[in-house]
Amino acid sequence: MRILISFILISIFTNQSYSQKKIVTYYDKLWRLTTKDFAEYSRISNIDTVKYQYSGEVKDFYINGNLQMKGKYQNNVKVDRFLFYYPNGNLMTSGFYKDNSRWGIWTNFYENGNVRDKIAFNKDFLGALEYYNENGDTIIKNGTGLWQTQFLNDFTYKLGSVKGEFKDSLRHGTWNYYTMSLIPELNEEIRLMCK
């Protein structure tokens, strides 16, 4: 009986140790999986080869070799601090993930290194706390002022744009949401999605 239990335990530990593998994957400009020849980005990560899940530190690179993102995954879920960088190496965004959702205060920077904004998250977007132009002039202070931003929708490959006003970190007045496809074949103009 001891021999059987020992064999089972050794088998379990052996399978677990071989299921983790450090790999490099390649992505095109829209973050779709591709080959090295067509890549704009690469990712170095540990992956569970049985469940195909990221686990541990993950680093994304621009094709020129500069770091694009550094973060941590647990069973394919983003956790802890994530850092995103511009192609020139300057910090673009810094913040924490909790259960695959942005959490707490996220800080975004302009390419010149100046702070762009500080945004509060609690799984969902809560509000802009501060917002500055590239010269460092204040646009939103203490959660009040005019705000606009762009974001990428990973599922539709559309660039979104949002414009509106905050008052005490809450949305106030009329907000406009625009989208534009990033897929060249669609040749789509910027269009108002909702108001």
N, C-alpha and C. Protein backbone atom coordinates (compact mmCIF):
# COMPACT_ATOMS: atom_id res chain seq x y z
N MET A 1 0.82 -1.19 0.00
CA MET A 1 0.00 0.00 0.00
C MET A 1 0.87 1.25 0.00
N ARG A 2 1.96 1.26 0.81
CA ARG A 2 2.86 2.41 0.85
C ARG A 2 3.48 2.68 -0.52
N ILE A 3 3.81 1.61 -1.20
CA ILE A 3 4.43 1.77 -2.52
C ILE A 3 3.44 2.41 -3.49
N LEU A 4 2.17 2.00 -3.44
CA LEU A 4 1.15 2.57 -4.32
C LEU A 4 0.93 4.05 -4.02
N ILE A 5 0.83 4.42 -2.74
CA ILE A 5 0.65 5.82 -2.34
C ILE A 5 1.86 6.65 -2.77
N SER A 6 3.06 6.12 -2.56
CA SER A 6 4.28 6.82 -2.97
C SER A 6 4.29 7.04 -4.48
N PHE A 7 3.90 6.04 -5.24
CA PHE A 7 3.86 6.14 -6.70
C PHE A 7 2.86 7.22 -7.14
N ILE A 8 1.69 7.24 -6.52
CA ILE A 8 0.67 8.24 -6.86
C ILE A 8 1.17 9.65 -6.55
N LEU A 9 1.78 9.85 -5.37
CA LEU A 9 2.30 11.16 -5.00
C LEU A 9 3.41 11.62 -5.94
N ILE A 10 4.31 10.72 -6.28
CA ILE A 10 5.39 11.06 -7.21
C ILE A 10 4.81 11.42 -8.57
N SER A 11 3.79 10.70 -9.02
CA SER A 11 3.15 11.00 -10.31
C SER A 11 2.50 12.37 -10.31
N ILE A 12 1.82 12.70 -9.22
CA ILE A 12 1.15 14.00 -9.12
C ILE A 12 2.18 15.13 -9.17
N PHE A 13 3.24 15.04 -8.35
CA PHE A 13 4.25 16.09 -8.32
C PHE A 13 5.01 16.19 -9.64
N THR A 14 5.27 15.06 -10.27
CA THR A 14 5.96 15.06 -11.57
C THR A 14 5.11 15.74 -12.62
N ASN A 15 3.82 15.44 -12.69
CA ASN A 15 2.93 16.07 -13.67
C ASN A 15 2.81 17.57 -13.44
N GLN A 16 2.74 17.98 -12.17
CA GLN A 16 2.63 19.40 -11.89
C GLN A 16 3.89 20.15 -12.29
N SER A 17 5.05 19.55 -12.06
CA SER A 17 6.28 20.25 -12.38
C SER A 17 6.50 20.35 -13.89
N TYR A 18 5.97 19.46 -14.67
CA TYR A 18 6.15 19.51 -16.11
C TYR A 18 5.03 20.27 -16.81
N SER A 19 3.99 20.67 -16.08
CA SER A 19 2.90 21.39 -16.74
C SER A 19 3.21 22.88 -16.91
N GLN A 20 4.21 23.41 -16.19
CA GLN A 20 4.62 24.81 -16.33
C GLN A 20 5.76 24.90 -17.34
N LYS A 21 5.62 25.82 -18.28
CA LYS A 21 6.66 25.98 -19.29
C LYS A 21 6.81 27.46 -19.63
N LYS A 22 8.04 27.94 -19.72
CA LYS A 22 8.30 29.31 -20.13
C LYS A 22 8.26 29.34 -21.65
N ILE A 23 7.42 30.25 -22.20
CA ILE A 23 7.26 30.30 -23.65
C ILE A 23 7.34 31.75 -24.16
N VAL A 24 7.54 31.89 -25.46
CA VAL A 24 7.47 33.17 -26.14
C VAL A 24 6.36 33.06 -27.18
N THR A 25 5.42 34.01 -27.15
CA THR A 25 4.36 34.07 -28.16
C THR A 25 4.45 35.41 -28.86
N TYR A 26 3.90 35.47 -30.08
CA TYR A 26 3.99 36.67 -30.90
C TYR A 26 2.60 37.17 -31.27
N TYR A 27 2.46 38.51 -31.35
CA TYR A 27 1.18 39.14 -31.62
C TYR A 27 1.33 40.23 -32.69
N ASP A 28 0.26 40.43 -33.49
CA ASP A 28 0.28 41.50 -34.49
C ASP A 28 -0.11 42.82 -33.81
N LYS A 29 -0.28 43.89 -34.61
CA LYS A 29 -0.54 45.20 -34.01
C LYS A 29 -1.88 45.29 -33.30
N LEU A 30 -2.81 44.35 -33.57
CA LEU A 30 -4.10 44.32 -32.89
C LEU A 30 -4.13 43.27 -31.78
N TRP A 31 -2.97 42.79 -31.40
CA TRP A 31 -2.81 41.78 -30.35
C TRP A 31 -3.48 40.46 -30.68
N ARG A 32 -3.46 40.10 -31.96
CA ARG A 32 -3.91 38.77 -32.38
C ARG A 32 -2.68 37.89 -32.50
N LEU A 33 -2.80 36.63 -32.08
CA LEU A 33 -1.70 35.68 -32.14
C LEU A 33 -1.21 35.54 -33.57
N THR A 34 0.13 35.57 -33.76
CA THR A 34 0.70 35.47 -35.11
C THR A 34 2.07 34.80 -35.02
N THR A 35 2.79 34.81 -36.12
CA THR A 35 4.15 34.26 -36.14
C THR A 35 5.15 35.40 -35.95
N LYS A 36 6.39 35.04 -35.69
CA LYS A 36 7.44 36.03 -35.45
C LYS A 36 7.61 36.97 -36.65
N ASP A 37 7.42 36.47 -37.87
CA ASP A 37 7.60 37.28 -39.07
C ASP A 37 6.63 38.45 -39.17
N PHE A 38 5.43 38.30 -38.61
CA PHE A 38 4.39 39.33 -38.71
C PHE A 38 4.14 40.04 -37.38
N ALA A 39 4.98 39.79 -36.40
CA ALA A 39 4.74 40.28 -35.04
C ALA A 39 5.08 41.76 -34.87
N GLU A 40 4.28 42.40 -34.03
CA GLU A 40 4.56 43.76 -33.54
C GLU A 40 4.94 43.70 -32.05
N TYR A 41 4.53 42.60 -31.39
CA TYR A 41 4.78 42.40 -29.96
C TYR A 41 5.15 40.95 -29.70
N SER A 42 5.86 40.73 -28.59
CA SER A 42 6.13 39.37 -28.13
C SER A 42 5.84 39.30 -26.64
N ARG A 43 5.56 38.09 -26.16
CA ARG A 43 5.25 37.88 -24.75
C ARG A 43 6.11 36.73 -24.23
N ILE A 44 6.75 36.97 -23.09
CA ILE A 44 7.48 35.91 -22.40
C ILE A 44 6.72 35.64 -21.12
N SER A 45 6.36 34.37 -20.94
CA SER A 45 5.53 34.04 -19.78
C SER A 45 5.67 32.57 -19.42
N ASN A 46 5.25 32.27 -18.20
CA ASN A 46 5.08 30.88 -17.79
C ASN A 46 3.64 30.51 -18.10
N ILE A 47 3.48 29.35 -18.69
CA ILE A 47 2.13 28.92 -19.05
C ILE A 47 1.92 27.49 -18.60
N ASP A 48 0.74 27.23 -18.10
CA ASP A 48 0.34 25.87 -17.75
C ASP A 48 -0.03 25.18 -19.06
N THR A 49 0.80 24.24 -19.48
CA THR A 49 0.59 23.60 -20.78
C THR A 49 -0.59 22.64 -20.81
N VAL A 50 -1.13 22.30 -19.65
CA VAL A 50 -2.31 21.43 -19.60
C VAL A 50 -3.58 22.28 -19.74
N LYS A 51 -3.65 23.37 -18.96
CA LYS A 51 -4.85 24.22 -18.97
C LYS A 51 -4.70 25.45 -19.87
N TYR A 52 -3.50 25.67 -20.43
CA TYR A 52 -3.15 26.83 -21.23
C TYR A 52 -3.55 28.12 -20.51
N GLN A 53 -2.99 28.29 -19.32
CA GLN A 53 -3.25 29.47 -18.50
C GLN A 53 -1.92 30.11 -18.11
N TYR A 54 -1.89 31.45 -18.13
CA TYR A 54 -0.71 32.17 -17.66
C TYR A 54 -0.64 32.09 -16.14
N SER A 55 0.60 31.96 -15.65
CA SER A 55 0.81 31.91 -14.22
C SER A 55 2.16 32.52 -13.90
N GLY A 56 2.19 33.46 -12.96
CA GLY A 56 3.44 34.13 -12.61
C GLY A 56 3.66 35.38 -13.42
N GLU A 57 4.91 35.83 -13.47
CA GLU A 57 5.23 37.08 -14.16
C GLU A 57 5.08 36.93 -15.67
N VAL A 58 4.49 37.96 -16.29
CA VAL A 58 4.33 38.02 -17.74
C VAL A 58 4.94 39.34 -18.19
N LYS A 59 5.75 39.27 -19.27
CA LYS A 59 6.34 40.48 -19.84
C LYS A 59 6.02 40.52 -21.33
N ASP A 60 5.52 41.67 -21.77
CA ASP A 60 5.27 41.92 -23.19
C ASP A 60 6.33 42.90 -23.68
N PHE A 61 6.76 42.70 -24.92
CA PHE A 61 7.79 43.54 -25.52
C PHE A 61 7.34 44.06 -26.87
N TYR A 62 7.76 45.29 -27.20
CA TYR A 62 7.63 45.77 -28.56
C TYR A 62 8.61 44.95 -29.40
N ILE A 63 8.38 44.87 -30.69
CA ILE A 63 9.23 44.04 -31.54
C ILE A 63 10.68 44.54 -31.54
N ASN A 64 10.90 45.80 -31.17
CA ASN A 64 12.26 46.33 -31.09
C ASN A 64 12.99 45.88 -29.81
N GLY A 65 12.27 45.13 -28.94
CA GLY A 65 12.88 44.60 -27.72
C GLY A 65 12.60 45.40 -26.47
N ASN A 66 12.03 46.61 -26.60
CA ASN A 66 11.70 47.42 -25.43
C ASN A 66 10.48 46.83 -24.71
N LEU A 67 10.50 46.92 -23.38
CA LEU A 67 9.40 46.42 -22.56
C LEU A 67 8.12 47.20 -22.83
N GLN A 68 7.00 46.48 -23.03
CA GLN A 68 5.70 47.10 -23.26
C GLN A 68 4.79 46.97 -22.04
N MET A 69 4.91 45.82 -21.32
CA MET A 69 4.06 45.57 -20.15
C MET A 69 4.75 44.56 -19.24
N LYS A 70 4.53 44.75 -17.95
CA LYS A 70 5.01 43.78 -16.96
C LYS A 70 3.91 43.61 -15.93
N GLY A 71 3.53 42.36 -15.66
CA GLY A 71 2.48 42.10 -14.68
C GLY A 71 2.53 40.66 -14.20
N LYS A 72 1.54 40.31 -13.40
CA LYS A 72 1.49 38.98 -12.80
C LYS A 72 0.11 38.37 -13.01
N TYR A 73 0.10 37.08 -13.32
CA TYR A 73 -1.14 36.32 -13.49
C TYR A 73 -1.17 35.17 -12.49
N GLN A 74 -2.37 34.83 -12.05
CA GLN A 74 -2.60 33.60 -11.29
C GLN A 74 -3.74 32.87 -11.99
N ASN A 75 -3.43 31.71 -12.56
CA ASN A 75 -4.43 30.93 -13.29
C ASN A 75 -5.17 31.76 -14.33
N ASN A 76 -4.40 32.51 -15.13
CA ASN A 76 -4.93 33.32 -16.24
C ASN A 76 -5.68 34.57 -15.78
N VAL A 77 -5.58 34.93 -14.52
CA VAL A 77 -6.26 36.10 -13.97
C VAL A 77 -5.20 37.14 -13.59
N LYS A 78 -5.38 38.38 -14.05
CA LYS A 78 -4.45 39.46 -13.72
C LYS A 78 -4.58 39.81 -12.24
N VAL A 79 -3.44 39.88 -11.55
CA VAL A 79 -3.41 40.24 -10.13
C VAL A 79 -2.21 41.16 -9.88
N ASP A 80 -2.27 41.91 -8.83
CA ASP A 80 -1.17 42.77 -8.37
C ASP A 80 -0.88 43.91 -9.34
N ARG A 81 0.31 44.45 -9.24
CA ARG A 81 0.70 45.65 -9.99
C ARG A 81 1.03 45.33 -11.45
N PHE A 82 0.52 46.18 -12.36
CA PHE A 82 0.85 46.10 -13.78
C PHE A 82 1.45 47.44 -14.21
N LEU A 83 2.46 47.36 -15.05
CA LEU A 83 3.12 48.54 -15.59
C LEU A 83 3.10 48.44 -17.11
N PHE A 84 2.74 49.53 -17.79
CA PHE A 84 2.72 49.59 -19.25
C PHE A 84 3.65 50.71 -19.68
N TYR A 85 4.37 50.49 -20.81
CA TYR A 85 5.39 51.42 -21.25
C TYR A 85 5.18 51.85 -22.70
N TYR A 86 5.64 53.06 -23.02
CA TYR A 86 5.69 53.56 -24.39
C TYR A 86 6.86 52.89 -25.11
N PRO A 87 6.87 52.90 -26.45
CA PRO A 87 8.00 52.32 -27.19
C PRO A 87 9.35 52.94 -26.83
N ASN A 88 9.36 54.21 -26.38
CA ASN A 88 10.63 54.85 -26.00
C ASN A 88 11.12 54.44 -24.61
N GLY A 89 10.34 53.60 -23.91
CA GLY A 89 10.74 53.12 -22.59
C GLY A 89 10.14 53.88 -21.43
N ASN A 90 9.50 55.01 -21.68
CA ASN A 90 8.86 55.78 -20.60
C ASN A 90 7.60 55.08 -20.12
N LEU A 91 7.32 55.23 -18.84
CA LEU A 91 6.13 54.64 -18.24
C LEU A 91 4.86 55.26 -18.82
N MET A 92 3.87 54.42 -19.21
CA MET A 92 2.60 54.87 -19.77
C MET A 92 1.49 54.80 -18.73
N THR A 93 1.40 53.66 -18.02
CA THR A 93 0.31 53.42 -17.08
C THR A 93 0.80 52.55 -15.93
N SER A 94 0.30 52.82 -14.74
CA SER A 94 0.66 52.03 -13.57
C SER A 94 -0.58 51.85 -12.70
N GLY A 95 -0.82 50.61 -12.27
CA GLY A 95 -1.95 50.36 -11.40
C GLY A 95 -2.04 48.90 -11.01
N PHE A 96 -3.06 48.58 -10.22
CA PHE A 96 -3.23 47.23 -9.70
C PHE A 96 -4.47 46.57 -10.28
N TYR A 97 -4.37 45.25 -10.45
CA TYR A 97 -5.50 44.42 -10.82
C TYR A 97 -5.90 43.57 -9.63
N LYS A 98 -7.19 43.36 -9.48
CA LYS A 98 -7.72 42.45 -8.48
C LYS A 98 -8.77 41.60 -9.20
N ASP A 99 -8.55 40.30 -9.25
CA ASP A 99 -9.48 39.38 -9.94
C ASP A 99 -9.76 39.82 -11.37
N ASN A 100 -8.70 40.18 -12.10
CA ASN A 100 -8.78 40.51 -13.52
C ASN A 100 -9.43 41.87 -13.81
N SER A 101 -9.69 42.68 -12.78
CA SER A 101 -10.28 44.00 -12.97
C SER A 101 -9.37 45.06 -12.36
N ARG A 102 -9.35 46.23 -13.00
CA ARG A 102 -8.58 47.33 -12.44
C ARG A 102 -9.12 47.68 -11.06
N TRP A 103 -8.20 48.01 -10.16
CA TRP A 103 -8.59 48.25 -8.77
C TRP A 103 -7.76 49.39 -8.20
N GLY A 104 -8.40 50.29 -7.49
CA GLY A 104 -7.68 51.38 -6.84
C GLY A 104 -7.38 52.52 -7.80
N ILE A 105 -6.32 53.26 -7.50
CA ILE A 105 -5.95 54.44 -8.29
C ILE A 105 -4.95 54.04 -9.37
N TRP A 106 -5.31 54.31 -10.63
CA TRP A 106 -4.43 54.08 -11.77
C TRP A 106 -3.90 55.43 -12.23
N THR A 107 -2.60 55.48 -12.52
CA THR A 107 -1.98 56.70 -13.00
C THR A 107 -1.52 56.49 -14.44
N ASN A 108 -1.92 57.42 -15.33
CA ASN A 108 -1.50 57.41 -16.74
C ASN A 108 -0.57 58.58 -16.98
N PHE A 109 0.41 58.36 -17.86
CA PHE A 109 1.43 59.36 -18.14
C PHE A 109 1.45 59.69 -19.63
N TYR A 110 1.84 60.90 -19.96
CA TYR A 110 2.14 61.26 -21.34
C TYR A 110 3.50 60.68 -21.71
N GLU A 111 3.78 60.62 -22.99
CA GLU A 111 5.05 60.05 -23.45
C GLU A 111 6.24 60.86 -22.96
N ASN A 112 6.03 62.15 -22.66
CA ASN A 112 7.12 62.99 -22.16
C ASN A 112 7.40 62.77 -20.67
N GLY A 113 6.60 61.91 -20.02
CA GLY A 113 6.81 61.59 -18.61
C GLY A 113 5.89 62.32 -17.65
N ASN A 114 5.20 63.37 -18.10
CA ASN A 114 4.27 64.09 -17.23
C ASN A 114 3.03 63.25 -16.94
N VAL A 115 2.47 63.42 -15.75
CA VAL A 115 1.24 62.72 -15.37
C VAL A 115 0.09 63.21 -16.25
N ARG A 116 -0.68 62.28 -16.79
CA ARG A 116 -1.86 62.63 -17.60
C ARG A 116 -3.11 62.67 -16.74
N ASP A 117 -3.34 61.56 -15.99
CA ASP A 117 -4.51 61.52 -15.12
C ASP A 117 -4.35 60.47 -14.04
N LYS A 118 -5.19 60.60 -13.03
CA LYS A 118 -5.32 59.60 -11.97
C LYS A 118 -6.79 59.24 -11.92
N ILE A 119 -7.04 57.93 -12.06
CA ILE A 119 -8.42 57.45 -12.19
C ILE A 119 -8.68 56.39 -11.13
N ALA A 120 -9.85 56.45 -10.52
CA ALA A 120 -10.23 55.48 -9.49
C ALA A 120 -11.06 54.36 -10.11
N PHE A 121 -10.72 53.12 -9.74
CA PHE A 121 -11.43 51.93 -10.19
C PHE A 121 -11.85 51.09 -8.99
N ASN A 122 -12.99 50.44 -9.12
CA ASN A 122 -13.47 49.46 -8.17
C ASN A 122 -14.19 48.42 -9.02
N LYS A 123 -13.41 47.62 -9.74
CA LYS A 123 -13.88 46.73 -10.81
C LYS A 123 -14.37 47.53 -11.99
N ASP A 124 -15.27 48.47 -11.79
CA ASP A 124 -15.74 49.34 -12.85
C ASP A 124 -15.06 50.70 -12.71
N PHE A 125 -15.06 51.46 -13.78
CA PHE A 125 -14.51 52.81 -13.75
C PHE A 125 -15.33 53.66 -12.78
N LEU A 126 -14.67 54.31 -11.86
CA LEU A 126 -15.38 55.16 -10.90
C LEU A 126 -15.35 56.62 -11.28
N GLY A 127 -14.17 57.14 -11.56
CA GLY A 127 -14.11 58.54 -11.91
C GLY A 127 -12.69 59.05 -11.99
N ALA A 128 -12.56 60.18 -12.69
CA ALA A 128 -11.26 60.84 -12.80
C ALA A 128 -11.05 61.72 -11.58
N LEU A 129 -9.92 61.57 -10.93
CA LEU A 129 -9.59 62.37 -9.76
C LEU A 129 -8.79 63.60 -10.16
N GLU A 130 -7.86 63.39 -11.13
CA GLU A 130 -7.01 64.47 -11.63
C GLU A 130 -6.81 64.24 -13.12
N TYR A 131 -6.62 65.36 -13.86
CA TYR A 131 -6.36 65.27 -15.29
C TYR A 131 -5.56 66.49 -15.69
N TYR A 132 -4.47 66.29 -16.45
CA TYR A 132 -3.56 67.36 -16.85
C TYR A 132 -3.31 67.31 -18.35
N ASN A 133 -2.99 68.46 -18.95
CA ASN A 133 -2.56 68.43 -20.34
C ASN A 133 -1.06 68.09 -20.37
N GLU A 134 -0.49 67.99 -21.56
CA GLU A 134 0.91 67.56 -21.69
C GLU A 134 1.90 68.52 -21.02
N ASN A 135 1.50 69.77 -20.88
CA ASN A 135 2.38 70.75 -20.25
C ASN A 135 2.28 70.73 -18.72
N GLY A 136 1.35 69.93 -18.19
CA GLY A 136 1.17 69.86 -16.74
C GLY A 136 0.11 70.77 -16.19
N ASP A 137 -0.60 71.49 -17.08
CA ASP A 137 -1.69 72.36 -16.62
C ASP A 137 -2.88 71.52 -16.18
N THR A 138 -3.51 71.89 -15.08
CA THR A 138 -4.62 71.13 -14.51
C THR A 138 -5.90 71.34 -15.32
N ILE A 139 -6.56 70.23 -15.68
CA ILE A 139 -7.85 70.26 -16.37
C ILE A 139 -8.95 69.78 -15.42
N ILE A 140 -8.64 68.73 -14.65
CA ILE A 140 -9.56 68.25 -13.60
C ILE A 140 -8.81 68.29 -12.28
N LYS A 141 -9.43 68.91 -11.31
CA LYS A 141 -8.84 68.97 -9.97
C LYS A 141 -9.91 68.54 -8.97
N ASN A 142 -9.53 67.71 -8.01
CA ASN A 142 -10.46 67.20 -7.01
C ASN A 142 -11.71 66.59 -7.65
N GLY A 143 -11.52 65.93 -8.81
CA GLY A 143 -12.63 65.24 -9.46
C GLY A 143 -13.60 66.12 -10.21
N THR A 144 -13.25 67.38 -10.48
CA THR A 144 -14.16 68.29 -11.19
C THR A 144 -13.45 68.92 -12.39
N GLY A 145 -14.11 68.81 -13.58
CA GLY A 145 -13.57 69.40 -14.80
C GLY A 145 -13.93 68.57 -16.02
N LEU A 146 -13.46 69.04 -17.19
CA LEU A 146 -13.73 68.39 -18.48
C LEU A 146 -12.73 67.26 -18.71
N TRP A 147 -13.20 66.13 -19.24
CA TRP A 147 -12.33 64.97 -19.42
C TRP A 147 -12.57 64.33 -20.77
N GLN A 148 -11.49 63.81 -21.37
CA GLN A 148 -11.62 62.99 -22.58
C GLN A 148 -10.48 61.99 -22.61
N THR A 149 -10.77 60.83 -23.17
CA THR A 149 -9.75 59.79 -23.26
C THR A 149 -10.07 58.87 -24.42
N GLN A 150 -9.09 58.04 -24.78
CA GLN A 150 -9.28 57.00 -25.78
C GLN A 150 -8.95 55.66 -25.15
N PHE A 151 -9.56 54.61 -25.67
CA PHE A 151 -9.29 53.27 -25.16
C PHE A 151 -9.48 52.26 -26.28
N LEU A 152 -8.84 51.12 -26.15
CA LEU A 152 -8.94 50.06 -27.13
C LEU A 152 -9.89 48.99 -26.62
N ASN A 153 -10.87 48.62 -27.44
CA ASN A 153 -11.75 47.49 -27.12
C ASN A 153 -11.08 46.24 -27.69
N ASP A 154 -10.55 45.38 -26.81
CA ASP A 154 -9.80 44.19 -27.23
C ASP A 154 -10.63 43.20 -28.03
N PHE A 155 -11.94 43.21 -27.86
CA PHE A 155 -12.79 42.21 -28.51
C PHE A 155 -13.23 42.64 -29.90
N THR A 156 -13.46 43.92 -30.11
CA THR A 156 -13.95 44.39 -31.41
C THR A 156 -12.87 45.08 -32.24
N TYR A 157 -11.69 45.28 -31.65
CA TYR A 157 -10.59 46.00 -32.30
C TYR A 157 -11.04 47.38 -32.75
N LYS A 158 -11.77 48.04 -31.87
CA LYS A 158 -12.20 49.40 -32.14
C LYS A 158 -11.57 50.34 -31.11
N LEU A 159 -11.23 51.51 -31.60
CA LEU A 159 -10.71 52.55 -30.73
C LEU A 159 -11.89 53.38 -30.26
N GLY A 160 -12.06 53.47 -28.95
CA GLY A 160 -13.15 54.25 -28.37
C GLY A 160 -12.64 55.59 -27.89
N SER A 161 -13.54 56.55 -27.88
CA SER A 161 -13.22 57.88 -27.39
C SER A 161 -14.39 58.36 -26.55
N VAL A 162 -14.08 58.93 -25.39
CA VAL A 162 -15.11 59.39 -24.47
C VAL A 162 -14.82 60.84 -24.10
N LYS A 163 -15.89 61.67 -24.12
CA LYS A 163 -15.75 63.07 -23.72
C LYS A 163 -16.90 63.44 -22.79
N GLY A 164 -16.58 64.13 -21.71
CA GLY A 164 -17.62 64.55 -20.79
C GLY A 164 -17.05 65.33 -19.62
N GLU A 165 -17.92 65.68 -18.70
CA GLU A 165 -17.53 66.49 -17.55
C GLU A 165 -17.73 65.70 -16.26
N PHE A 166 -16.79 65.89 -15.33
CA PHE A 166 -16.90 65.33 -14.00
C PHE A 166 -17.19 66.45 -13.01
N LYS A 167 -17.99 66.13 -12.01
CA LYS A 167 -18.22 67.04 -10.89
C LYS A 167 -18.12 66.19 -9.63
N ASP A 168 -17.18 66.50 -8.76
CA ASP A 168 -16.91 65.71 -7.55
C ASP A 168 -16.70 64.23 -7.87
N SER A 169 -15.93 63.96 -8.92
CA SER A 169 -15.57 62.61 -9.39
C SER A 169 -16.73 61.80 -9.94
N LEU A 170 -17.88 62.44 -10.17
CA LEU A 170 -19.04 61.76 -10.76
C LEU A 170 -19.31 62.36 -12.13
N ARG A 171 -19.80 61.54 -13.06
CA ARG A 171 -20.16 62.04 -14.38
C ARG A 171 -21.28 63.06 -14.25
N HIS A 172 -21.14 64.12 -15.04
CA HIS A 172 -22.09 65.23 -14.94
C HIS A 172 -22.40 65.73 -16.35
N GLY A 173 -23.66 65.99 -16.64
CA GLY A 173 -24.03 66.54 -17.95
C GLY A 173 -24.02 65.50 -19.06
N THR A 174 -23.81 65.97 -20.29
CA THR A 174 -23.84 65.11 -21.47
C THR A 174 -22.47 64.51 -21.74
N TRP A 175 -22.45 63.21 -21.99
CA TRP A 175 -21.23 62.49 -22.34
C TRP A 175 -21.39 61.91 -23.74
N ASN A 176 -20.33 61.97 -24.54
CA ASN A 176 -20.34 61.42 -25.89
C ASN A 176 -19.34 60.28 -26.00
N TYR A 177 -19.78 59.17 -26.61
CA TYR A 177 -18.94 57.98 -26.82
C TYR A 177 -18.81 57.75 -28.32
N TYR A 178 -17.56 57.74 -28.82
CA TYR A 178 -17.28 57.54 -30.24
C TYR A 178 -16.47 56.26 -30.43
N THR A 179 -16.58 55.64 -31.62
CA THR A 179 -15.73 54.50 -31.94
C THR A 179 -15.23 54.61 -33.37
N MET A 180 -14.09 53.92 -33.61
CA MET A 180 -13.52 53.81 -34.94
C MET A 180 -12.80 52.47 -35.02
N SER A 181 -13.04 51.71 -36.07
CA SER A 181 -12.41 50.41 -36.23
C SER A 181 -10.92 50.57 -36.53
N LEU A 182 -10.11 49.69 -35.95
CA LEU A 182 -8.68 49.68 -36.23
C LEU A 182 -8.32 48.68 -37.32
N ILE A 183 -9.30 47.94 -37.80
CA ILE A 183 -9.06 46.96 -38.86
C ILE A 183 -9.09 47.70 -40.19
N PRO A 184 -7.95 47.77 -40.89
CA PRO A 184 -7.85 48.60 -42.11
C PRO A 184 -8.90 48.26 -43.18
N GLU A 185 -9.26 47.01 -43.31
CA GLU A 185 -10.22 46.60 -44.34
C GLU A 185 -11.59 47.24 -44.16
N LEU A 186 -11.94 47.60 -42.92
CA LEU A 186 -13.26 48.16 -42.66
C LEU A 186 -13.35 49.64 -43.03
N ASN A 187 -12.21 50.32 -43.06
CA ASN A 187 -12.17 51.72 -43.50
C ASN A 187 -13.29 52.55 -42.85
N GLU A 188 -13.48 52.38 -41.57
CA GLU A 188 -14.61 52.99 -40.86
C GLU A 188 -14.25 54.37 -40.33
N GLU A 189 -15.14 55.32 -40.48
CA GLU A 189 -14.96 56.67 -39.95
C GLU A 189 -15.28 56.68 -38.45
N ILE A 190 -14.83 57.72 -37.76
CA ILE A 190 -15.20 57.89 -36.35
C ILE A 190 -16.70 58.17 -36.31
N ARG A 191 -17.40 57.44 -35.44
CA ARG A 191 -18.84 57.69 -35.37
C ARG A 191 -19.32 57.73 -33.92
N LEU A 192 -20.32 58.56 -33.70
CA LEU A 192 -20.93 58.69 -32.38
C LEU A 192 -21.74 57.44 -32.09
N MET A 193 -21.42 56.76 -30.99
CA MET A 193 -22.13 55.53 -30.62
C MET A 193 -23.29 55.82 -29.67
N CYS A 194 -23.07 56.72 -28.74
CA CYS A 194 -24.15 57.08 -27.83
C CYS A 194 -23.85 58.41 -27.17
N LYS A 195 -24.91 59.02 -26.66
CA LYS A 195 -24.82 60.32 -26.02
C LYS A 195 -25.56 60.26 -24.70
